[in-house]
Amino acid sequence: MEEKTDIAKKHLIQRALVDSGMHEQNLTIGDDVLRDIILSYTRESGVRQLERTINKLCSKAARELVEN
């Protein structure tokens, strides 16, 4: 759990924000949200599904930002 959280904070979130064209000011993923994502949406020992889920979250947030 702690390793996935560290990897997500240091690498996955930053990459997903850049890929979706957003900045850290547009979307902040808190520790409690990240913990819920890890516990509820990822069942594997690696971080591939976590990366997909974070990418999906950033894409939806970018779409909402553009539409509104």
N, C-alpha and C. Protein backbone atom coordinates (compact mmCIF):
# COMPACT_ATOMS: atom_id res chain seq x y z
N MET A 1 0.82 -1.19 0.00
CA MET A 1 0.00 0.00 0.00
C MET A 1 0.87 1.26 0.00
N GLU A 2 1.85 1.32 0.88
CA GLU A 2 2.72 2.49 0.96
C GLU A 2 3.57 2.65 -0.31
N GLU A 3 4.03 1.53 -0.85
CA GLU A 3 4.84 1.59 -2.07
C GLU A 3 4.01 2.10 -3.24
N LYS A 4 2.79 1.63 -3.36
CA LYS A 4 1.92 2.10 -4.44
C LYS A 4 1.61 3.58 -4.29
N THR A 5 1.39 4.02 -3.07
CA THR A 5 1.12 5.43 -2.82
C THR A 5 2.32 6.28 -3.21
N ASP A 6 3.50 5.86 -2.84
CA ASP A 6 4.72 6.60 -3.19
C ASP A 6 4.93 6.65 -4.71
N ILE A 7 4.74 5.53 -5.37
CA ILE A 7 4.90 5.48 -6.82
C ILE A 7 3.88 6.39 -7.49
N ALA A 8 2.66 6.36 -7.02
CA ALA A 8 1.62 7.20 -7.61
C ALA A 8 1.94 8.68 -7.42
N LYS A 9 2.36 9.06 -6.23
CA LYS A 9 2.67 10.46 -5.96
C LYS A 9 3.87 10.96 -6.76
N LYS A 10 4.90 10.14 -6.85
CA LYS A 10 6.13 10.58 -7.49
C LYS A 10 6.10 10.48 -9.01
N HIS A 11 5.33 9.54 -9.55
CA HIS A 11 5.43 9.29 -10.98
C HIS A 11 4.08 9.29 -11.71
N LEU A 12 3.14 8.48 -11.25
CA LEU A 12 1.94 8.23 -12.02
C LEU A 12 1.04 9.46 -12.15
N ILE A 13 0.85 10.19 -11.08
CA ILE A 13 -0.03 11.36 -11.12
C ILE A 13 0.57 12.43 -12.01
N GLN A 14 1.86 12.67 -11.88
CA GLN A 14 2.51 13.69 -12.71
C GLN A 14 2.39 13.34 -14.19
N ARG A 15 2.64 12.10 -14.52
CA ARG A 15 2.57 11.66 -15.92
C ARG A 15 1.14 11.77 -16.45
N ALA A 16 0.16 11.40 -15.63
CA ALA A 16 -1.24 11.47 -16.07
C ALA A 16 -1.68 12.91 -16.28
N LEU A 17 -1.22 13.81 -15.43
CA LEU A 17 -1.56 15.22 -15.60
C LEU A 17 -0.98 15.77 -16.90
N VAL A 18 0.26 15.44 -17.18
CA VAL A 18 0.90 15.91 -18.41
C VAL A 18 0.19 15.31 -19.63
N ASP A 19 -0.12 14.04 -19.57
CA ASP A 19 -0.78 13.38 -20.70
C ASP A 19 -2.16 13.95 -20.98
N SER A 20 -2.85 14.40 -19.94
CA SER A 20 -4.19 14.95 -20.13
C SER A 20 -4.17 16.46 -20.37
N GLY A 21 -2.99 17.06 -20.33
CA GLY A 21 -2.86 18.48 -20.60
C GLY A 21 -3.25 19.37 -19.43
N MET A 22 -3.17 18.83 -18.24
CA MET A 22 -3.56 19.59 -17.06
C MET A 22 -2.34 19.95 -16.23
N HIS A 23 -2.55 20.83 -15.26
CA HIS A 23 -1.51 21.22 -14.32
C HIS A 23 -1.95 20.83 -12.92
N GLU A 24 -1.02 20.84 -12.00
CA GLU A 24 -1.33 20.48 -10.62
C GLU A 24 -2.34 21.43 -10.01
N GLN A 25 -2.44 22.66 -10.52
CA GLN A 25 -3.40 23.61 -9.99
C GLN A 25 -4.82 23.21 -10.37
N ASN A 26 -4.99 22.47 -11.46
CA ASN A 26 -6.31 22.07 -11.93
C ASN A 26 -6.86 20.86 -11.20
N LEU A 27 -6.01 19.98 -10.76
CA LEU A 27 -6.45 18.74 -10.13
C LEU A 27 -5.48 18.33 -9.04
N THR A 28 -5.99 18.12 -7.87
CA THR A 28 -5.19 17.62 -6.76
C THR A 28 -5.82 16.33 -6.27
N ILE A 29 -5.03 15.29 -6.20
CA ILE A 29 -5.50 14.00 -5.70
C ILE A 29 -4.91 13.84 -4.30
N GLY A 30 -5.77 13.88 -3.31
CA GLY A 30 -5.33 13.79 -1.92
C GLY A 30 -4.96 12.37 -1.53
N ASP A 31 -4.33 12.26 -0.37
CA ASP A 31 -3.90 10.95 0.12
C ASP A 31 -5.08 10.02 0.37
N ASP A 32 -6.17 10.56 0.91
CA ASP A 32 -7.33 9.72 1.19
C ASP A 32 -7.98 9.21 -0.09
N VAL A 33 -8.02 10.03 -1.12
CA VAL A 33 -8.56 9.61 -2.41
C VAL A 33 -7.66 8.56 -3.04
N LEU A 34 -6.38 8.79 -2.98
CA LEU A 34 -5.42 7.83 -3.53
C LEU A 34 -5.52 6.49 -2.81
N ARG A 35 -5.67 6.53 -1.51
CA ARG A 35 -5.82 5.30 -0.72
C ARG A 35 -7.10 4.56 -1.12
N ASP A 36 -8.19 5.30 -1.33
CA ASP A 36 -9.45 4.67 -1.76
C ASP A 36 -9.32 4.05 -3.14
N ILE A 37 -8.63 4.72 -4.04
CA ILE A 37 -8.41 4.17 -5.38
C ILE A 37 -7.62 2.87 -5.29
N ILE A 38 -6.57 2.88 -4.50
CA ILE A 38 -5.73 1.68 -4.37
C ILE A 38 -6.52 0.52 -3.77
N LEU A 39 -7.30 0.79 -2.74
CA LEU A 39 -8.04 -0.28 -2.07
C LEU A 39 -9.24 -0.77 -2.87
N SER A 40 -9.91 0.14 -3.57
CA SER A 40 -11.17 -0.23 -4.22
C SER A 40 -11.03 -0.63 -5.68
N TYR A 41 -10.07 -0.06 -6.39
CA TYR A 41 -10.03 -0.25 -7.84
C TYR A 41 -8.83 -1.03 -8.35
N THR A 42 -7.89 -1.35 -7.49
CA THR A 42 -6.72 -2.12 -7.94
C THR A 42 -6.63 -3.39 -7.10
N ARG A 43 -6.53 -4.50 -7.78
CA ARG A 43 -6.47 -5.78 -7.09
C ARG A 43 -5.16 -6.53 -7.35
N GLU A 44 -4.29 -5.93 -8.14
CA GLU A 44 -3.05 -6.60 -8.49
C GLU A 44 -1.90 -6.10 -7.62
N SER A 45 -0.80 -6.83 -7.66
CA SER A 45 0.35 -6.41 -6.86
C SER A 45 1.14 -5.29 -7.51
N GLY A 46 1.02 -5.13 -8.83
CA GLY A 46 1.73 -4.08 -9.54
C GLY A 46 0.94 -2.78 -9.57
N VAL A 47 1.36 -1.88 -10.45
CA VAL A 47 0.70 -0.57 -10.50
C VAL A 47 0.07 -0.27 -11.86
N ARG A 48 -0.06 -1.25 -12.73
CA ARG A 48 -0.64 -0.99 -14.05
C ARG A 48 -2.09 -0.55 -13.96
N GLN A 49 -2.90 -1.26 -13.19
CA GLN A 49 -4.30 -0.88 -13.05
C GLN A 49 -4.42 0.46 -12.33
N LEU A 50 -3.57 0.71 -11.37
CA LEU A 50 -3.56 2.00 -10.69
C LEU A 50 -3.26 3.12 -11.67
N GLU A 51 -2.29 2.90 -12.56
CA GLU A 51 -1.96 3.90 -13.57
C GLU A 51 -3.15 4.15 -14.50
N ARG A 52 -3.82 3.09 -14.91
CA ARG A 52 -4.99 3.25 -15.79
C ARG A 52 -6.10 4.04 -15.09
N THR A 53 -6.32 3.76 -13.83
CA THR A 53 -7.37 4.44 -13.08
C THR A 53 -7.04 5.91 -12.90
N ILE A 54 -5.81 6.23 -12.59
CA ILE A 54 -5.39 7.63 -12.44
C ILE A 54 -5.49 8.35 -13.77
N ASN A 55 -5.10 7.69 -14.86
CA ASN A 55 -5.22 8.30 -16.19
C ASN A 55 -6.68 8.59 -16.53
N LYS A 56 -7.56 7.66 -16.20
CA LYS A 56 -8.98 7.85 -16.47
C LYS A 56 -9.53 9.02 -15.65
N LEU A 57 -9.12 9.12 -14.41
CA LEU A 57 -9.56 10.21 -13.54
C LEU A 57 -9.10 11.56 -14.08
N CYS A 58 -7.85 11.64 -14.50
CA CYS A 58 -7.32 12.89 -15.06
C CYS A 58 -8.00 13.26 -16.37
N SER A 59 -8.28 12.28 -17.20
CA SER A 59 -8.96 12.54 -18.46
C SER A 59 -10.37 13.07 -18.23
N LYS A 60 -11.07 12.49 -17.29
CA LYS A 60 -12.43 12.96 -16.98
C LYS A 60 -12.40 14.37 -16.41
N ALA A 61 -11.42 14.65 -15.57
CA ALA A 61 -11.30 15.99 -14.99
C ALA A 61 -10.97 17.01 -16.08
N ALA A 62 -10.10 16.65 -17.01
CA ALA A 62 -9.75 17.56 -18.11
C ALA A 62 -10.97 17.84 -18.99
N ARG A 63 -11.75 16.81 -19.25
CA ARG A 63 -12.96 16.98 -20.06
C ARG A 63 -13.95 17.91 -19.36
N GLU A 64 -14.12 17.72 -18.06
CA GLU A 64 -15.01 18.60 -17.28
C GLU A 64 -14.51 20.04 -17.31
N LEU A 65 -13.22 20.23 -17.19
CA LEU A 65 -12.64 21.56 -17.20
C LEU A 65 -12.87 22.25 -18.54
N VAL A 66 -12.74 21.52 -19.63
CA VAL A 66 -12.94 22.10 -20.95
C VAL A 66 -14.41 22.39 -21.20
N GLU A 67 -15.28 21.49 -20.78
CA GLU A 67 -16.71 21.68 -21.02
C GLU A 67 -17.30 22.81 -20.20
N ASN A 68 -16.76 23.04 -19.04
CA ASN A 68 -17.28 24.10 -18.17
C ASN A 68 -16.37 25.26 -18.28
